[in-house]
Amino acid sequence: MLGARNINPEQTLARLGLLLFLFISFSSFANDEPGDKSLAEPSFSVPRGHYAQPFELVIIVNEPGASLLYTIDGSKPDADSPQTNQIVSPDGDSPASLTLTVDRTMSVRARAAMANRKHSKTTTHSYIFNAQVLEQSRPQQVFEEWGHDGPDWEMDPDVVNHKDPDSRMVATDLLAIPALYLALPFGDFWGEDGIYIDGEGEPRNCSVELLNPSGSATQPNAIPGVQVNGTVQITGGSSTRRWKTDKLSMRLKFHHEALFPVFEHANNAAGSEPSRSFHTLVLDARLNESWNHSSGEQREHGQYTRDQFIADLQNDMGGLAPHGRHVHLYIAGIYWGLYTLHERPDHHFASHYLGGDKDDYDVIKHQWNDVVSGSNDHFLEVRDLLAQPDIASSEAYERIGSLLDLEDFTHYVLLNYWAGNTDWSHQNWYATFNRKDSAGRWRFHSWDAEHTIKKTRENITDKNDPDSPTRFHVRLMENPEYHALFTATVRHAMREGGLLDPEYTRAAYDRRLFEIDQAIRAESARWGDNRKRRPYTRGGEWSEESNRILNDYLPRRSRILLDQFSEAGWFP
């Protein structure tokens, strides 16, 4: 009698999947007809994703006589590169194939190659072993000195082994939100010529993968991940000054508009439906009100939710702000922390949501003379109209309304006053305008709203920054028609059940908190000790600030703001 065996369900499924994969691959190979088209991408037997046990990965080229080029260091497979491995067809008629043991967090990049044929596109499959991430320490690769102690690289044992379950990181925290994996050589990012050390500007080629799109803790690979090729560069204005912060933001650019449905399984705001294709996305590290800031007061306020929460509210109010969601970021196999992946409100963004061709849009950010696309002519026209001494007439209101979407503008400024946005509007705004559409109007978009929902009695009604939204609003309030429109907007937003009613804002903020309720522990382990020996934790400072916002700011803010508007003469 044979002894009983313990059968691992994950291994059984992997074997069944391999058999099916081989059948489909060889069927495709037999039916493929030669031609001048590019070679098909190689097939992978195991999908990209999160895994707990080592497995055998089989890669097959579906073309007779074609070679398989592959790398495991993040570089693009190239026959002339010493990092590229080449597998040739055994007899010229069979497909080249490779069996590789995957037992650690890594990326496998592969392409098919053949003389006198176009190489296939490079396809990338990355695999994350969550238990190993908890043990992450100083990398073995050589990295450039940061000019100071730099990050310690490790996942802090004080968090991984924390006595309080609310603060203790566990492996499933890495499954609570999607993972974004950038595959490129370690040296391209952190080496002597790496872009992280050099700072803002130079892009590097990379693969971009979204794993576990739904953020499932129990079935992280049930929904297939997606992958595109593009570039990554460091961005972030003052945050890139060495070393204001060790955790930097980045911009992803794709070589063309790429299908990358990153918001498809997210809890999006009730406003416009998010795009599924992008030219550009931002990986936002968060500088202000975060655990990496040099100010202890700002670190105590760390939430990692403020900016996207304000953008959510603008979308809910019928405006247009970047959609976003939180992700765990991996770079060249290194876990790099919690990031917000969100849109950039440029001409591509405006074209998708407002219609028209992208080249028809003028885009300005931060200042009247910071032109992202097109020109600032029509913006200066609005500025000059608002500088006229007589702005109270209906004719002036009509002329300004032909260039500026006044109803949308009242919602935009109201939201920033409600949020107590102290870092606005001398900066931190985007505006877009369709100059080819007779119905085109300037619209403002929330951007970098990190200095918000801090002091419950914050009063910024005295802001009057030149050539900016606050100056526009202050001047427009001299016009009775705009004054009436703003008053109506305030009444509607702050009525019971309105979008700035405490019940609504509390629920909206709670959704963003819930999104990272577990994931924040991974951020605590990675960056919580960056500025002090004892790390910031979920059960400590993060929960304290969350409770303050939910139980003090949000319930009381609208009533306080109405009093401030009344004192300013803006509301009865």
Protein backbone atom coordinates (compact mmCIF):
# COMPACT_ATOMS: atom_id res chain seq x y z
CA MET A 1 0.00 0.00 0.00
CA LEU A 2 1.39 3.35 -1.01
CA GLY A 3 1.90 5.97 1.68
CA ALA A 4 -0.26 9.09 1.65
CA ARG A 5 1.22 12.27 0.04
CA ASN A 6 0.57 15.87 0.96
CA ILE A 7 -0.26 17.61 -2.32
CA ASN A 8 0.41 21.33 -2.59
CA PRO A 9 -2.59 22.86 -4.45
CA GLU A 10 -0.40 25.71 -5.79
CA GLN A 11 2.06 23.20 -7.31
CA THR A 12 -0.77 21.11 -8.78
CA LEU A 13 -2.31 24.14 -10.45
CA ALA A 14 1.10 25.21 -11.74
CA ARG A 15 1.64 21.78 -13.35
CA LEU A 16 -1.80 21.78 -14.96
CA GLY A 17 -1.19 25.32 -16.18
CA LEU A 18 2.17 24.30 -17.65
CA LEU A 19 0.59 21.43 -19.62
CA LEU A 20 -2.08 23.75 -21.00
CA PHE A 21 0.55 26.40 -21.77
CA LEU A 22 2.71 23.90 -23.72
CA PHE A 23 -0.30 22.69 -25.70
CA ILE A 24 -1.35 26.22 -26.67
CA SER A 25 2.22 27.31 -27.42
CA PHE A 26 2.96 24.38 -29.75
CA SER A 27 -0.43 24.78 -31.43
CA SER A 28 0.34 28.41 -32.12
CA PHE A 29 3.79 27.46 -33.36
CA ALA A 30 2.39 24.88 -35.81
CA ASN A 31 -0.21 27.26 -37.26
CA ASP A 32 2.01 30.34 -37.56
CA GLU A 33 2.73 31.38 -41.15
CA PRO A 34 6.02 33.03 -42.10
CA GLY A 35 6.03 36.61 -43.34
CA ASP A 36 7.67 40.00 -43.02
CA LYS A 37 5.78 40.99 -39.88
CA SER A 38 7.52 41.29 -36.54
CA LEU A 39 8.06 38.11 -34.59
CA ALA A 40 5.51 37.27 -31.93
CA GLU A 41 6.48 37.88 -28.33
CA PRO A 42 7.66 34.84 -26.36
CA SER A 43 5.14 33.01 -24.17
CA PHE A 44 5.53 32.67 -20.39
CA SER A 45 4.10 29.64 -18.57
CA VAL A 46 3.54 31.53 -15.28
CA PRO A 47 1.81 34.92 -15.24
CA ARG A 48 3.36 37.94 -13.58
CA GLY A 49 2.31 38.40 -9.98
CA HIS A 50 2.83 37.51 -6.31
CA TYR A 51 4.09 34.04 -5.32
CA ALA A 52 4.88 32.23 -2.09
CA GLN A 53 6.80 29.19 -3.38
CA PRO A 54 9.59 28.81 -5.99
CA PHE A 55 8.44 27.55 -9.40
CA GLU A 56 9.74 26.49 -12.80
CA LEU A 57 9.13 29.12 -15.48
CA VAL A 58 9.05 27.98 -19.11
CA ILE A 59 9.51 30.55 -21.87
CA ILE A 60 8.89 29.51 -25.48
CA VAL A 61 9.48 31.33 -28.78
CA ASN A 62 6.55 30.67 -31.12
CA GLU A 63 8.49 30.81 -34.40
CA PRO A 64 10.50 28.02 -36.14
CA GLY A 65 14.20 28.71 -36.00
CA ALA A 66 13.91 31.89 -33.90
CA SER A 67 16.19 32.50 -30.94
CA LEU A 68 15.14 33.54 -27.46
CA LEU A 69 16.90 36.55 -25.94
CA TYR A 70 16.32 37.14 -22.23
CA THR A 71 17.68 39.00 -19.22
CA ILE A 72 17.11 38.82 -15.47
CA ASP A 73 18.85 42.09 -14.48
CA GLY A 74 16.08 44.41 -15.73
CA SER A 75 17.86 45.41 -18.94
CA LYS A 76 16.27 45.12 -22.36
CA PRO A 77 17.38 41.92 -24.15
CA ASP A 78 19.88 42.82 -26.85
CA ALA A 79 22.12 40.38 -28.70
CA ASP A 80 25.08 42.77 -28.33
CA SER A 81 24.64 43.17 -24.56
CA PRO A 82 26.75 41.05 -22.18
CA GLN A 83 23.76 40.88 -19.82
CA THR A 84 21.64 39.14 -22.48
CA ASN A 85 21.36 35.37 -22.61
CA GLN A 86 20.55 33.68 -25.93
CA ILE A 87 18.81 30.35 -26.49
CA VAL A 88 18.85 29.10 -30.10
CA SER A 89 16.51 26.63 -31.74
CA PRO A 90 17.87 23.10 -31.18
CA ASP A 91 17.42 22.05 -34.81
CA GLY A 92 16.20 25.05 -36.75
CA ASP A 93 12.65 23.74 -36.87
CA SER A 94 11.71 23.59 -33.19
CA PRO A 95 10.95 26.60 -31.02
CA ALA A 96 13.68 27.82 -28.72
CA SER A 97 12.67 27.42 -25.09
CA LEU A 98 14.00 28.00 -21.60
CA THR A 99 13.19 26.57 -18.19
CA LEU A 100 14.16 28.91 -15.37
CA THR A 101 13.80 28.50 -11.62
CA VAL A 102 12.18 31.57 -10.07
CA ASP A 103 12.75 31.68 -6.33
CA ARG A 104 13.12 35.39 -5.55
CA THR A 105 11.64 38.76 -6.44
CA MET A 106 12.83 39.42 -9.98
CA SER A 107 11.95 40.44 -13.53
CA VAL A 108 12.42 38.26 -16.60
CA ARG A 109 12.51 40.22 -19.87
CA ALA A 110 12.42 38.35 -23.18
CA ARG A 111 12.08 38.80 -26.93
CA ALA A 112 12.28 36.65 -30.05
CA ALA A 113 15.03 37.25 -32.61
CA MET A 114 15.76 35.95 -36.11
CA ALA A 115 17.99 37.03 -38.99
CA ASN A 116 16.13 39.02 -41.66
CA ARG A 117 13.05 39.42 -39.44
CA LYS A 118 12.02 42.16 -37.06
CA HIS A 119 12.67 41.24 -33.47
CA SER A 120 9.59 40.88 -31.32
CA LYS A 121 8.68 43.47 -28.75
CA THR A 122 10.24 42.94 -25.35
CA THR A 123 7.81 41.43 -22.90
CA THR A 124 8.43 41.49 -19.16
CA HIS A 125 7.10 39.31 -16.37
CA SER A 126 7.93 40.27 -12.79
CA TYR A 127 7.45 38.04 -9.77
CA ILE A 128 7.24 39.20 -6.15
CA PHE A 129 7.86 37.00 -3.10
CA ASN A 130 6.23 38.90 -0.26
CA ALA A 131 7.91 37.03 2.60
CA GLN A 132 11.30 37.98 1.14
CA VAL A 133 10.32 41.66 1.00
CA LEU A 134 9.91 41.65 4.78
CA GLU A 135 13.58 40.65 5.01
CA GLN A 136 14.84 43.29 2.56
CA SER A 137 18.22 44.74 3.58
CA ARG A 138 21.18 46.55 2.02
CA PRO A 139 21.44 45.48 -1.66
CA GLN A 140 24.44 43.54 -2.90
CA GLN A 141 24.77 45.74 -5.99
CA VAL A 142 27.05 48.77 -5.91
CA PHE A 143 25.18 52.04 -5.40
CA GLU A 144 26.37 55.63 -5.50
CA GLU A 145 26.89 57.48 -2.21
CA TRP A 146 24.09 59.93 -1.45
CA GLY A 147 26.23 62.61 0.18
CA HIS A 148 24.71 61.71 3.55
CA ASP A 149 23.74 58.53 5.34
CA GLY A 150 20.99 57.93 2.82
CA PRO A 151 18.19 55.40 3.28
CA ASP A 152 18.94 52.25 5.21
CA TRP A 153 17.22 50.15 2.47
CA GLU A 154 15.92 47.62 4.97
CA MET A 155 12.41 46.88 6.14
CA ASP A 156 12.64 48.03 9.74
CA PRO A 157 12.60 45.04 12.14
CA ASP A 158 10.95 47.29 14.75
CA VAL A 159 7.88 47.38 12.49
CA VAL A 160 8.06 43.83 11.13
CA ASN A 161 8.27 42.54 14.72
CA HIS A 162 6.17 45.25 16.40
CA LYS A 163 4.34 44.07 19.53
CA ASP A 164 1.19 45.99 18.54
CA PRO A 165 -0.76 44.18 15.77
CA ASP A 166 -2.06 47.53 14.51
CA SER A 167 1.52 48.57 13.73
CA ARG A 168 3.12 45.23 12.87
CA MET A 169 3.77 44.68 9.16
CA VAL A 170 2.84 41.28 7.73
CA ALA A 171 3.34 39.85 4.25
CA THR A 172 -0.30 40.32 3.25
CA ASP A 173 0.06 44.09 3.69
CA LEU A 174 1.86 43.96 0.34
CA LEU A 175 -1.34 42.60 -1.23
CA ALA A 176 -3.69 45.23 0.17
CA ILE A 177 -3.14 47.51 -2.85
CA PRO A 178 -1.69 46.88 -6.34
CA ALA A 179 2.05 46.64 -6.93
CA LEU A 180 3.76 48.74 -9.58
CA TYR A 181 7.03 47.19 -10.74
CA LEU A 182 9.67 49.14 -12.70
CA ALA A 183 12.13 46.80 -14.38
CA LEU A 184 15.46 48.36 -15.35
CA PRO A 185 19.10 47.78 -14.37
CA PHE A 186 19.87 48.61 -10.74
CA GLY A 187 22.75 50.85 -11.83
CA ASP A 188 20.51 52.92 -14.12
CA PHE A 189 18.61 54.00 -11.05
CA TRP A 190 21.04 53.99 -8.12
CA GLY A 191 24.47 53.56 -9.69
CA GLU A 192 27.18 56.14 -10.36
CA ASP A 193 25.23 57.50 -13.33
CA GLY A 194 21.85 56.61 -11.88
CA ILE A 195 18.97 59.05 -12.20
CA TYR A 196 18.03 58.89 -8.52
CA ILE A 197 21.34 60.46 -7.53
CA ASP A 198 21.52 62.90 -10.44
CA GLY A 199 18.05 64.24 -9.74
CA GLU A 200 15.31 65.70 -11.90
CA GLY A 201 15.50 65.47 -15.65
CA GLU A 202 17.07 62.54 -17.46
CA PRO A 203 14.68 59.65 -18.31
CA ARG A 204 15.66 55.96 -18.41
CA ASN A 205 13.99 53.17 -20.36
CA CYS A 206 12.09 50.67 -18.28
CA SER A 207 9.23 48.22 -18.19
CA VAL A 208 6.16 49.25 -16.17
CA GLU A 209 3.93 46.53 -14.73
CA LEU A 210 0.81 46.69 -12.61
CA LEU A 211 0.40 43.52 -10.55
CA ASN A 212 -2.67 42.53 -8.52
CA PRO A 213 -4.82 45.28 -10.13
CA SER A 214 -7.73 44.75 -7.75
CA GLY A 215 -5.60 44.78 -4.58
CA SER A 216 -6.83 41.34 -3.53
CA ALA A 217 -5.23 39.84 -0.43
CA THR A 218 -6.59 36.35 -1.13
CA GLN A 219 -6.36 36.07 -4.94
CA PRO A 220 -3.66 38.52 -6.03
CA ASN A 221 -3.16 36.85 -9.44
CA ALA A 222 -6.83 36.26 -10.26
CA ILE A 223 -7.02 39.41 -12.40
CA PRO A 224 -4.10 39.49 -14.88
CA GLY A 225 -1.56 42.24 -14.49
CA VAL A 226 -0.67 44.61 -17.33
CA GLN A 227 2.69 45.71 -18.73
CA VAL A 228 3.90 48.50 -21.03
CA ASN A 229 7.32 49.82 -21.99
CA GLY A 230 8.28 53.43 -21.40
CA THR A 231 10.61 55.69 -19.44
CA VAL A 232 10.95 56.85 -15.85
CA GLN A 233 12.45 60.13 -14.65
CA ILE A 234 12.76 61.93 -11.34
CA THR A 235 10.39 64.85 -10.86
CA GLY A 236 8.95 66.97 -8.08
CA GLY A 237 10.22 70.55 -8.07
CA SER A 238 11.78 71.54 -4.74
CA SER A 239 11.58 67.99 -3.35
CA THR A 240 14.46 66.93 -5.63
CA ARG A 241 16.91 69.39 -4.07
CA ARG A 242 19.60 67.23 -2.46
CA TRP A 243 18.57 65.95 -0.02
CA LYS A 244 15.36 67.58 1.05
CA THR A 245 13.85 64.10 1.09
CA ASP A 246 15.24 60.64 0.38
CA LYS A 247 11.98 59.45 -1.16
CA LEU A 248 11.49 61.07 -4.56
CA SER A 249 8.58 61.32 -6.98
CA MET A 250 8.80 60.11 -10.57
CA ARG A 251 7.09 60.55 -13.91
CA LEU A 252 6.31 57.66 -16.22
CA LYS A 253 6.14 58.32 -19.96
CA PHE A 254 5.05 55.83 -22.58
CA HIS A 255 6.41 55.84 -26.11
CA HIS A 256 2.86 56.31 -27.44
CA GLU A 257 -0.59 56.39 -25.88
CA ALA A 258 -0.57 53.04 -24.10
CA LEU A 259 -3.46 50.95 -22.88
CA PHE A 260 -2.74 50.75 -19.16
CA PRO A 261 -6.03 50.49 -17.23
CA VAL A 262 -4.61 51.28 -13.81
CA PHE A 263 -7.84 52.74 -12.40
CA GLU A 264 -10.18 50.04 -13.68
CA HIS A 265 -10.52 48.21 -10.36
CA ALA A 266 -10.08 51.26 -8.11
CA ASN A 267 -12.62 53.09 -5.94
CA ASN A 268 -12.90 56.10 -8.20
CA ALA A 269 -14.67 59.35 -7.43
CA ALA A 270 -18.26 59.73 -8.58
CA GLY A 271 -17.28 62.17 -11.34
CA SER A 272 -15.88 61.42 -14.78
CA GLU A 273 -14.89 57.87 -15.71
CA PRO A 274 -11.08 57.46 -15.60
CA SER A 275 -9.15 56.96 -18.81
CA ARG A 276 -7.72 53.54 -19.69
CA SER A 277 -4.90 54.85 -21.91
CA PHE A 278 -2.11 57.26 -21.01
CA HIS A 279 0.94 59.07 -22.28
CA THR A 280 2.06 60.14 -18.81
CA LEU A 281 1.47 59.13 -15.20
CA VAL A 282 2.97 60.42 -11.97
CA LEU A 283 4.36 58.30 -9.14
CA ASP A 284 3.90 60.68 -6.22
CA ALA A 285 6.06 60.03 -3.15
CA ARG A 286 4.45 62.81 -1.09
CA LEU A 287 6.82 65.32 0.47
CA ASN A 288 4.73 67.59 2.66
CA GLU A 289 2.80 66.22 5.63
CA SER A 290 4.70 62.94 5.33
CA TRP A 291 7.10 60.88 7.44
CA ASN A 292 10.04 61.91 5.23
CA HIS A 293 9.78 65.65 5.74
CA SER A 294 12.48 67.47 7.70
CA SER A 295 9.86 69.16 9.90
CA GLY A 296 8.75 67.11 12.89
CA GLU A 297 5.36 68.85 12.86
CA GLN A 298 4.76 67.82 9.26
CA ARG A 299 5.83 64.25 9.96
CA GLU A 300 3.26 64.04 12.77
CA HIS A 301 0.56 64.88 10.20
CA GLY A 302 1.57 62.07 7.83
CA GLN A 303 -1.48 60.57 6.08
CA TYR A 304 -0.57 60.03 2.38
CA THR A 305 -4.19 60.71 1.44
CA ARG A 306 -4.70 64.49 1.40
CA ASP A 307 -3.87 65.37 -2.20
CA GLN A 308 -5.92 62.59 -3.77
CA PHE A 309 -8.82 63.20 -1.37
CA ILE A 310 -9.07 66.82 -2.55
CA ALA A 311 -8.84 65.67 -6.18
CA ASP A 312 -11.64 63.17 -5.48
CA LEU A 313 -13.85 65.95 -4.11
CA GLN A 314 -13.26 68.15 -7.16
CA ASN A 315 -14.29 65.29 -9.44
CA ASP A 316 -17.34 64.65 -7.25
CA MET A 317 -18.30 68.33 -7.52
CA GLY A 318 -18.39 68.10 -11.31
CA GLY A 319 -14.90 69.51 -11.83
CA LEU A 320 -11.92 67.75 -13.33
CA ALA A 321 -8.94 66.61 -11.28
CA PRO A 322 -6.41 63.78 -11.65
CA HIS A 323 -7.65 60.30 -10.84
CA GLY A 324 -5.30 58.33 -8.65
CA ARG A 325 -4.77 55.24 -6.54
CA HIS A 326 -2.17 53.99 -4.10
CA VAL A 327 0.39 51.38 -5.14
CA HIS A 328 3.36 49.58 -3.64
CA LEU A 329 6.36 50.54 -5.77
CA TYR A 330 9.18 48.13 -6.67
CA ILE A 331 12.24 49.31 -8.59
CA ALA A 332 14.74 46.77 -9.96
CA GLY A 333 13.57 44.27 -7.35
CA ILE A 334 13.78 46.71 -4.41
CA TYR A 335 10.63 47.62 -2.49
CA TRP A 336 10.57 51.42 -2.46
CA GLY A 337 7.42 52.20 -0.52
CA LEU A 338 3.86 53.51 -0.80
CA TYR A 339 3.20 55.85 -3.74
CA THR A 340 0.16 57.52 -5.29
CA LEU A 341 -0.09 56.77 -9.01
CA HIS A 342 -2.11 59.56 -10.62
CA GLU A 343 -2.76 61.48 -13.81
CA ARG A 344 -1.06 64.70 -14.85
CA PRO A 345 -3.54 67.37 -16.06
CA ASP A 346 -1.72 68.20 -19.28
CA HIS A 347 -3.00 68.50 -22.87
CA HIS A 348 -3.45 64.72 -23.21
CA PHE A 349 -5.53 64.74 -20.02
CA ALA A 350 -7.66 67.68 -21.16
CA SER A 351 -8.24 66.18 -24.59
CA HIS A 352 -9.45 62.89 -23.13
CA TYR A 353 -11.90 64.37 -20.64
CA LEU A 354 -12.97 67.60 -22.35
CA GLY A 355 -12.77 66.58 -26.02
CA GLY A 356 -10.88 67.98 -28.98
CA ASP A 357 -7.35 67.38 -30.15
CA LYS A 358 -4.51 67.55 -27.63
CA ASP A 359 -2.70 70.10 -29.79
CA ASP A 360 -5.64 72.48 -29.44
CA TYR A 361 -5.02 72.99 -25.72
CA ASP A 362 -3.16 75.65 -23.81
CA VAL A 363 -1.90 74.33 -20.48
CA ILE A 364 -0.39 76.39 -17.64
CA LYS A 365 0.83 75.28 -14.23
CA HIS A 366 1.74 77.19 -11.05
CA GLN A 367 2.38 80.59 -12.71
CA TRP A 368 1.02 82.51 -15.69
CA ASN A 369 4.38 82.18 -17.47
CA ASP A 370 4.88 78.44 -16.85
CA VAL A 371 3.44 77.13 -20.10
CA VAL A 372 3.21 73.34 -20.44
CA SER A 373 1.55 73.36 -23.87
CA GLY A 374 0.34 75.96 -26.35
CA SER A 375 0.57 79.55 -25.11
CA ASN A 376 -0.60 81.79 -22.27
CA ASP A 377 -2.24 84.43 -24.50
CA HIS A 378 -5.80 83.65 -23.46
CA PHE A 379 -4.81 83.40 -19.80
CA LEU A 380 -3.31 86.86 -19.95
CA GLU A 381 -6.50 88.05 -21.60
CA VAL A 382 -8.47 86.91 -18.53
CA ARG A 383 -5.90 88.52 -16.25
CA ASP A 384 -6.14 91.84 -18.10
CA LEU A 385 -9.94 91.81 -18.06
CA LEU A 386 -9.89 91.28 -14.30
CA ALA A 387 -7.42 94.15 -13.90
CA GLN A 388 -9.90 96.65 -15.36
CA PRO A 389 -11.24 99.16 -12.83
CA ASP A 390 -14.93 98.54 -13.67
CA ILE A 391 -15.60 94.85 -13.27
CA ALA A 392 -19.10 95.07 -11.83
CA SER A 393 -21.00 95.37 -15.10
CA SER A 394 -22.87 92.59 -16.88
CA GLU A 395 -20.74 93.24 -19.95
CA ALA A 396 -17.55 92.56 -17.98
CA TYR A 397 -19.07 89.40 -16.51
CA GLU A 398 -20.04 88.17 -19.96
CA ARG A 399 -16.58 88.86 -21.44
CA ILE A 400 -14.82 87.05 -18.59
CA GLY A 401 -17.34 84.18 -18.77
CA SER A 402 -16.48 83.69 -22.44
CA LEU A 403 -12.93 82.74 -21.39
CA LEU A 404 -13.26 81.33 -17.86
CA ASP A 405 -15.74 78.62 -16.83
CA LEU A 406 -17.19 80.60 -13.94
CA GLU A 407 -19.43 77.91 -12.44
CA ASP A 408 -16.58 75.39 -12.44
CA PHE A 409 -14.30 78.08 -11.00
CA THR A 410 -16.57 78.71 -8.00
CA HIS A 411 -16.46 75.01 -7.11
CA TYR A 412 -12.68 74.95 -7.50
CA VAL A 413 -11.95 77.93 -5.23
CA LEU A 414 -14.58 76.89 -2.66
CA LEU A 415 -12.92 73.49 -2.32
CA ASN A 416 -9.49 75.01 -1.71
CA TYR A 417 -10.85 77.44 0.87
CA TRP A 418 -12.65 74.57 2.60
CA ALA A 419 -9.45 72.50 2.61
CA GLY A 420 -7.46 75.42 4.05
CA ASN A 421 -4.89 75.02 1.26
CA THR A 422 -2.03 77.16 2.54
CA ASP A 423 0.31 76.26 -0.35
CA TRP A 424 -2.06 77.70 -3.00
CA SER A 425 -2.56 79.68 -5.24
CA HIS A 426 0.88 81.25 -5.66
CA GLN A 427 1.62 77.72 -6.95
CA ASN A 428 0.13 74.23 -7.07
CA TRP A 429 -2.51 74.53 -9.78
CA TYR A 430 -2.99 73.52 -13.39
CA ALA A 431 -5.30 75.22 -15.91
CA THR A 432 -6.34 74.10 -19.41
CA PHE A 433 -8.05 75.92 -22.29
CA ASN A 434 -9.24 74.71 -25.71
CA ARG A 435 -8.40 77.58 -28.02
CA LYS A 436 -9.99 75.93 -31.11
CA ASP A 437 -13.41 75.32 -29.54
CA SER A 438 -15.78 78.29 -29.35
CA ALA A 439 -17.18 76.76 -26.15
CA GLY A 440 -13.71 76.31 -24.68
CA ARG A 441 -13.10 77.91 -21.29
CA TRP A 442 -10.24 77.97 -18.81
CA ARG A 443 -10.70 75.26 -16.20
CA PHE A 444 -8.55 74.81 -13.11
CA HIS A 445 -7.47 71.40 -11.82
CA SER A 446 -6.46 70.45 -8.28
CA TRP A 447 -2.76 69.74 -7.97
CA ASP A 448 -0.39 68.93 -5.12
CA ALA A 449 -2.92 69.74 -2.40
CA GLU A 450 -0.77 68.38 0.43
CA HIS A 451 -0.97 71.39 2.77
CA THR A 452 -4.67 70.85 3.43
CA ILE A 453 -7.07 69.74 6.21
CA LYS A 454 -4.59 70.70 8.91
CA LYS A 455 -5.89 73.38 11.30
CA THR A 456 -9.66 73.22 11.66
CA ARG A 457 -9.84 77.03 11.87
CA GLU A 458 -7.37 77.69 9.04
CA ASN A 459 -8.42 80.91 7.27
CA ILE A 460 -7.02 81.67 3.82
CA THR A 461 -9.72 84.09 2.64
CA ASP A 462 -7.13 86.89 2.73
CA LYS A 463 -5.05 85.26 -0.01
CA ASN A 464 -4.74 87.45 -3.11
CA ASP A 465 -1.85 86.06 -5.13
CA PRO A 466 -1.14 87.96 -8.38
CA ASP A 467 -2.23 86.39 -11.67
CA SER A 468 -3.65 83.33 -9.94
CA PRO A 469 -6.98 81.82 -8.84
CA THR A 470 -7.18 83.77 -5.57
CA ARG A 471 -6.64 87.12 -7.35
CA PHE A 472 -9.24 86.14 -9.96
CA HIS A 473 -11.76 85.26 -7.26
CA VAL A 474 -11.19 88.38 -5.16
CA ARG A 475 -11.71 90.61 -8.21
CA LEU A 476 -14.72 88.64 -9.43
CA MET A 477 -16.42 89.02 -6.05
CA GLU A 478 -16.82 92.71 -6.96
CA ASN A 479 -19.24 91.60 -9.67
CA PRO A 480 -22.80 91.04 -8.35
CA GLU A 481 -23.54 88.22 -10.79
CA TYR A 482 -20.42 86.29 -9.80
CA HIS A 483 -21.07 87.02 -6.13
CA ALA A 484 -24.55 85.48 -6.49
CA LEU A 485 -23.12 82.48 -8.33
CA PHE A 486 -20.50 81.88 -5.64
CA THR A 487 -23.12 82.18 -2.87
CA ALA A 488 -25.33 79.64 -4.64
CA THR A 489 -22.39 77.26 -5.02
CA VAL A 490 -21.59 77.53 -1.30
CA ARG A 491 -25.21 76.92 -0.30
CA HIS A 492 -25.52 73.90 -2.57
CA ALA A 493 -22.23 72.30 -1.48
CA MET A 494 -22.80 72.82 2.24
CA ARG A 495 -26.47 71.91 2.44
CA GLU A 496 -27.45 68.69 4.19
CA GLY A 497 -26.40 65.93 1.84
CA GLY A 498 -24.16 68.31 -0.13
CA LEU A 499 -20.65 67.41 -1.21
CA LEU A 500 -19.05 69.48 1.57
CA ASP A 501 -21.54 68.32 4.17
CA PRO A 502 -19.62 66.65 7.03
CA GLU A 503 -21.30 63.31 6.46
CA TYR A 504 -20.20 63.23 2.81
CA THR A 505 -16.63 64.40 3.36
CA ARG A 506 -16.13 61.97 6.23
CA ALA A 507 -17.25 59.04 4.08
CA ALA A 508 -15.04 60.19 1.18
CA TYR A 509 -11.99 60.52 3.41
CA ASP A 510 -12.70 57.21 5.07
CA ARG A 511 -12.57 55.52 1.65
CA ARG A 512 -9.03 56.76 1.07
CA LEU A 513 -7.95 55.78 4.58
CA PHE A 514 -9.42 52.31 4.13
CA GLU A 515 -7.51 51.91 0.86
CA ILE A 516 -4.16 52.07 2.67
CA ASP A 517 -5.27 50.91 6.12
CA GLN A 518 -2.99 47.86 5.86
CA ALA A 519 -0.58 49.09 3.19
CA ILE A 520 0.58 51.97 5.40
CA ARG A 521 2.39 49.44 7.60
CA ALA A 522 4.69 48.61 4.68
CA GLU A 523 5.45 52.32 4.31
CA SER A 524 6.14 52.44 8.04
CA ALA A 525 8.62 49.56 7.73
CA ARG A 526 10.32 51.09 4.68
CA TRP A 527 10.43 54.80 5.50
CA GLY A 528 9.04 55.24 9.02
CA ASP A 529 12.53 55.47 10.53
CA ASN A 530 14.03 57.69 7.81
CA ARG A 531 14.08 60.80 10.02
CA LYS A 532 14.19 59.35 13.52
CA ARG A 533 15.23 56.17 15.26
CA ARG A 534 11.78 55.13 16.46
CA PRO A 535 9.63 54.62 13.35
CA TYR A 536 6.30 56.28 12.69
CA THR A 537 3.59 53.63 12.76
CA ARG A 538 0.04 52.91 11.74
CA GLY A 539 -1.10 52.30 15.32
CA GLY A 540 0.64 55.47 16.52
CA GLU A 541 0.92 58.78 14.68
CA TRP A 542 -1.00 57.75 11.54
CA SER A 543 -4.12 56.66 13.46
CA GLU A 544 -3.96 59.69 15.74
CA GLU A 545 -3.96 62.09 12.78
CA SER A 546 -6.68 60.08 10.99
CA ASN A 547 -8.91 60.33 14.04
CA ARG A 548 -8.29 64.06 14.37
CA ILE A 549 -9.34 64.67 10.78
CA LEU A 550 -12.38 62.39 10.94
CA ASN A 551 -13.63 63.57 14.32
CA ASP A 552 -12.64 67.24 14.42
CA TYR A 553 -11.77 68.81 11.05
CA LEU A 554 -14.43 67.22 8.86
CA PRO A 555 -17.40 67.61 11.26
CA ARG A 556 -16.63 71.26 12.10
CA ARG A 557 -14.93 72.73 9.03
CA SER A 558 -17.94 73.74 6.91
CA ARG A 559 -19.58 75.71 9.73
CA ILE A 560 -16.30 77.49 10.48
CA LEU A 561 -15.77 78.30 6.80
CA LEU A 562 -19.22 79.86 6.51
CA ASP A 563 -18.31 82.20 9.37
CA GLN A 564 -15.04 83.08 7.59
CA PHE A 565 -16.91 83.81 4.35
CA SER A 566 -19.37 85.97 6.28
CA GLU A 567 -16.53 87.96 7.84
CA ALA A 568 -15.00 88.44 4.37
CA GLY A 569 -18.34 89.73 3.03
CA TRP A 570 -18.66 86.77 0.67
CA PHE A 571 -21.68 85.11 2.24
CA PRO A 572 -24.81 86.47 3.94
